[in-house]
Amino acid sequence: PHQSLGFGRKLLNFVKSNPSNAPVKMFIKKKQKAISFYLREGFLIISENIDDNTQELELSMTWTNL
């Protein structure tokens, strides 16, 4: 119920204001809407891996200041 209310963008803007580029990892099969959101916000996919614990495909993303 809290999706699309601007909370994620506010949080990302706070993260972007910090010079340390913290990577983001997410499970691709379950988070297609989130992936689109991160890509729109300037994140790039840097790798795809299988998570050791869940055996699900995950993406590692990082923010670029373009």
N, C-alpha and C. Protein backbone atom coordinates (compact mmCIF):
# COMPACT_ATOMS: atom_id res chain seq x y z
N PRO A 1 0.81 -1.22 0.00
CA PRO A 1 0.00 0.00 0.00
C PRO A 1 0.84 1.27 0.00
N HIS A 2 2.14 1.16 0.28
CA HIS A 2 2.99 2.34 0.34
C HIS A 2 3.78 2.58 -0.94
N GLN A 3 3.52 1.78 -1.96
CA GLN A 3 4.22 1.97 -3.23
C GLN A 3 3.64 3.17 -3.98
N SER A 4 4.50 3.80 -4.76
CA SER A 4 4.13 4.93 -5.62
C SER A 4 3.66 6.15 -4.85
N LEU A 5 4.15 6.31 -3.62
CA LEU A 5 3.81 7.50 -2.82
C LEU A 5 5.01 8.44 -2.65
N GLY A 6 6.14 8.09 -3.27
CA GLY A 6 7.31 8.97 -3.21
C GLY A 6 8.30 8.64 -2.11
N PHE A 7 8.01 7.65 -1.27
CA PHE A 7 8.92 7.32 -0.18
C PHE A 7 10.25 6.77 -0.69
N GLY A 8 10.19 5.90 -1.69
CA GLY A 8 11.41 5.32 -2.26
C GLY A 8 12.30 6.38 -2.89
N ARG A 9 11.70 7.30 -3.60
CA ARG A 9 12.48 8.37 -4.24
C ARG A 9 13.15 9.25 -3.20
N LYS A 10 12.44 9.56 -2.11
CA LYS A 10 13.04 10.37 -1.04
C LYS A 10 14.22 9.64 -0.42
N LEU A 11 14.06 8.36 -0.19
CA LEU A 11 15.15 7.56 0.38
C LEU A 11 16.33 7.52 -0.57
N LEU A 12 16.07 7.30 -1.85
CA LEU A 12 17.16 7.26 -2.82
C LEU A 12 17.86 8.61 -2.94
N ASN A 13 17.12 9.69 -2.88
CA ASN A 13 17.76 11.01 -2.93
C ASN A 13 18.69 11.21 -1.75
N PHE A 14 18.31 10.71 -0.59
CA PHE A 14 19.19 10.78 0.58
C PHE A 14 20.45 9.95 0.34
N VAL A 15 20.28 8.73 -0.20
CA VAL A 15 21.43 7.86 -0.48
C VAL A 15 22.34 8.50 -1.51
N LYS A 16 21.75 9.09 -2.55
CA LYS A 16 22.54 9.72 -3.61
C LYS A 16 23.35 10.90 -3.09
N SER A 17 22.86 11.57 -2.05
CA SER A 17 23.58 12.73 -1.51
C SER A 17 24.81 12.31 -0.72
N ASN A 18 24.91 11.04 -0.39
CA ASN A 18 26.07 10.49 0.32
C ASN A 18 27.09 10.03 -0.71
N PRO A 19 28.33 10.47 -0.61
CA PRO A 19 29.31 10.14 -1.65
C PRO A 19 29.68 8.66 -1.74
N SER A 20 29.36 7.86 -0.75
CA SER A 20 29.70 6.43 -0.83
C SER A 20 28.63 5.71 -1.64
N ASN A 21 29.02 5.14 -2.75
CA ASN A 21 28.06 4.44 -3.62
C ASN A 21 27.77 3.06 -3.06
N ALA A 22 26.72 2.94 -2.30
CA ALA A 22 26.32 1.65 -1.75
C ALA A 22 25.62 0.85 -2.82
N PRO A 23 26.06 -0.38 -3.08
CA PRO A 23 25.36 -1.19 -4.09
C PRO A 23 23.99 -1.63 -3.59
N VAL A 24 23.13 -1.90 -4.54
CA VAL A 24 21.79 -2.38 -4.24
C VAL A 24 21.69 -3.79 -4.83
N LYS A 25 21.16 -4.72 -4.07
CA LYS A 25 20.92 -6.07 -4.59
C LYS A 25 19.43 -6.37 -4.46
N MET A 26 18.90 -7.04 -5.48
CA MET A 26 17.48 -7.39 -5.43
C MET A 26 17.26 -8.68 -6.20
N PHE A 27 16.20 -9.37 -5.85
CA PHE A 27 15.84 -10.59 -6.55
C PHE A 27 14.99 -10.23 -7.75
N ILE A 28 15.53 -10.52 -8.92
CA ILE A 28 14.93 -10.05 -10.17
C ILE A 28 13.53 -10.62 -10.42
N LYS A 29 13.30 -11.87 -10.11
CA LYS A 29 12.01 -12.47 -10.43
C LYS A 29 10.87 -11.83 -9.66
N LYS A 30 11.13 -11.28 -8.52
CA LYS A 30 10.07 -10.78 -7.65
C LYS A 30 9.96 -9.26 -7.66
N LYS A 31 10.86 -8.56 -8.32
CA LYS A 31 10.93 -7.11 -8.16
C LYS A 31 11.01 -6.35 -9.48
N GLN A 32 10.26 -6.75 -10.49
CA GLN A 32 10.34 -6.07 -11.78
C GLN A 32 10.01 -4.58 -11.67
N LYS A 33 9.01 -4.23 -10.88
CA LYS A 33 8.65 -2.83 -10.72
C LYS A 33 9.78 -2.05 -10.04
N ALA A 34 10.41 -2.67 -9.06
CA ALA A 34 11.54 -2.02 -8.36
C ALA A 34 12.73 -1.84 -9.30
N ILE A 35 12.99 -2.82 -10.13
CA ILE A 35 14.11 -2.71 -11.08
C ILE A 35 13.89 -1.52 -12.00
N SER A 36 12.69 -1.38 -12.53
CA SER A 36 12.38 -0.24 -13.40
C SER A 36 12.57 1.08 -12.67
N PHE A 37 12.16 1.11 -11.41
CA PHE A 37 12.32 2.32 -10.59
C PHE A 37 13.80 2.68 -10.44
N TYR A 38 14.63 1.71 -10.06
CA TYR A 38 16.06 1.99 -9.87
C TYR A 38 16.71 2.43 -11.18
N LEU A 39 16.37 1.79 -12.29
CA LEU A 39 16.94 2.19 -13.57
C LEU A 39 16.55 3.62 -13.93
N ARG A 40 15.29 3.98 -13.68
CA ARG A 40 14.84 5.36 -13.93
C ARG A 40 15.59 6.36 -13.07
N GLU A 41 15.98 5.94 -11.87
CA GLU A 41 16.67 6.83 -10.93
C GLU A 41 18.18 6.90 -11.15
N GLY A 42 18.69 6.28 -12.22
CA GLY A 42 20.09 6.41 -12.56
C GLY A 42 20.98 5.28 -12.09
N PHE A 43 20.40 4.18 -11.61
CA PHE A 43 21.20 3.03 -11.22
C PHE A 43 21.51 2.19 -12.45
N LEU A 44 22.65 1.51 -12.42
CA LEU A 44 23.05 0.62 -13.50
C LEU A 44 23.20 -0.79 -12.95
N ILE A 45 22.84 -1.77 -13.75
CA ILE A 45 23.05 -3.17 -13.36
C ILE A 45 24.52 -3.48 -13.58
N ILE A 46 25.19 -3.96 -12.53
CA ILE A 46 26.62 -4.27 -12.66
C ILE A 46 26.89 -5.77 -12.69
N SER A 47 25.95 -6.59 -12.19
CA SER A 47 26.14 -8.03 -12.28
C SER A 47 24.83 -8.76 -11.99
N GLU A 48 24.79 -10.00 -12.45
CA GLU A 48 23.69 -10.91 -12.14
C GLU A 48 24.30 -12.15 -11.52
N ASN A 49 23.72 -12.61 -10.42
CA ASN A 49 24.24 -13.76 -9.70
C ASN A 49 23.10 -14.61 -9.20
N ILE A 50 23.42 -15.83 -8.81
CA ILE A 50 22.47 -16.69 -8.11
C ILE A 50 22.78 -16.56 -6.62
N ASP A 51 21.78 -16.17 -5.83
CA ASP A 51 21.96 -16.03 -4.39
C ASP A 51 22.21 -17.41 -3.77
N ASP A 52 23.24 -17.51 -2.93
CA ASP A 52 23.60 -18.78 -2.32
C ASP A 52 22.51 -19.32 -1.40
N ASN A 53 21.80 -18.43 -0.70
CA ASN A 53 20.80 -18.87 0.27
C ASN A 53 19.45 -19.21 -0.36
N THR A 54 19.02 -18.41 -1.33
CA THR A 54 17.68 -18.60 -1.90
C THR A 54 17.69 -19.29 -3.25
N GLN A 55 18.85 -19.34 -3.89
CA GLN A 55 18.98 -19.91 -5.23
C GLN A 55 18.18 -19.12 -6.27
N GLU A 56 17.91 -17.87 -5.98
CA GLU A 56 17.18 -17.01 -6.91
C GLU A 56 18.16 -16.08 -7.62
N LEU A 57 17.79 -15.72 -8.85
CA LEU A 57 18.59 -14.77 -9.61
C LEU A 57 18.49 -13.41 -8.96
N GLU A 58 19.62 -12.77 -8.72
CA GLU A 58 19.63 -11.42 -8.14
C GLU A 58 20.45 -10.49 -9.00
N LEU A 59 20.11 -9.23 -8.95
CA LEU A 59 20.86 -8.19 -9.64
C LEU A 59 21.63 -7.37 -8.62
N SER A 60 22.84 -7.00 -8.97
CA SER A 60 23.58 -5.99 -8.21
C SER A 60 23.57 -4.73 -9.03
N MET A 61 23.19 -3.63 -8.39
CA MET A 61 23.09 -2.36 -9.07
C MET A 61 23.88 -1.31 -8.30
N THR A 62 24.34 -0.30 -9.00
CA THR A 62 25.02 0.80 -8.36
C THR A 62 24.53 2.10 -8.99
N TRP A 63 24.59 3.17 -8.23
CA TRP A 63 24.14 4.47 -8.73
C TRP A 63 25.29 5.19 -9.40
N THR A 64 25.00 5.80 -10.53
CA THR A 64 25.99 6.61 -11.22
C THR A 64 25.50 8.04 -11.26
N ASN A 65 26.39 8.95 -11.03
CA ASN A 65 26.04 10.36 -11.00
C ASN A 65 26.22 10.94 -12.41
N LEU A 66 25.31 10.59 -13.30
CA LEU A 66 25.40 11.08 -14.69
C LEU A 66 24.62 12.33 -14.89
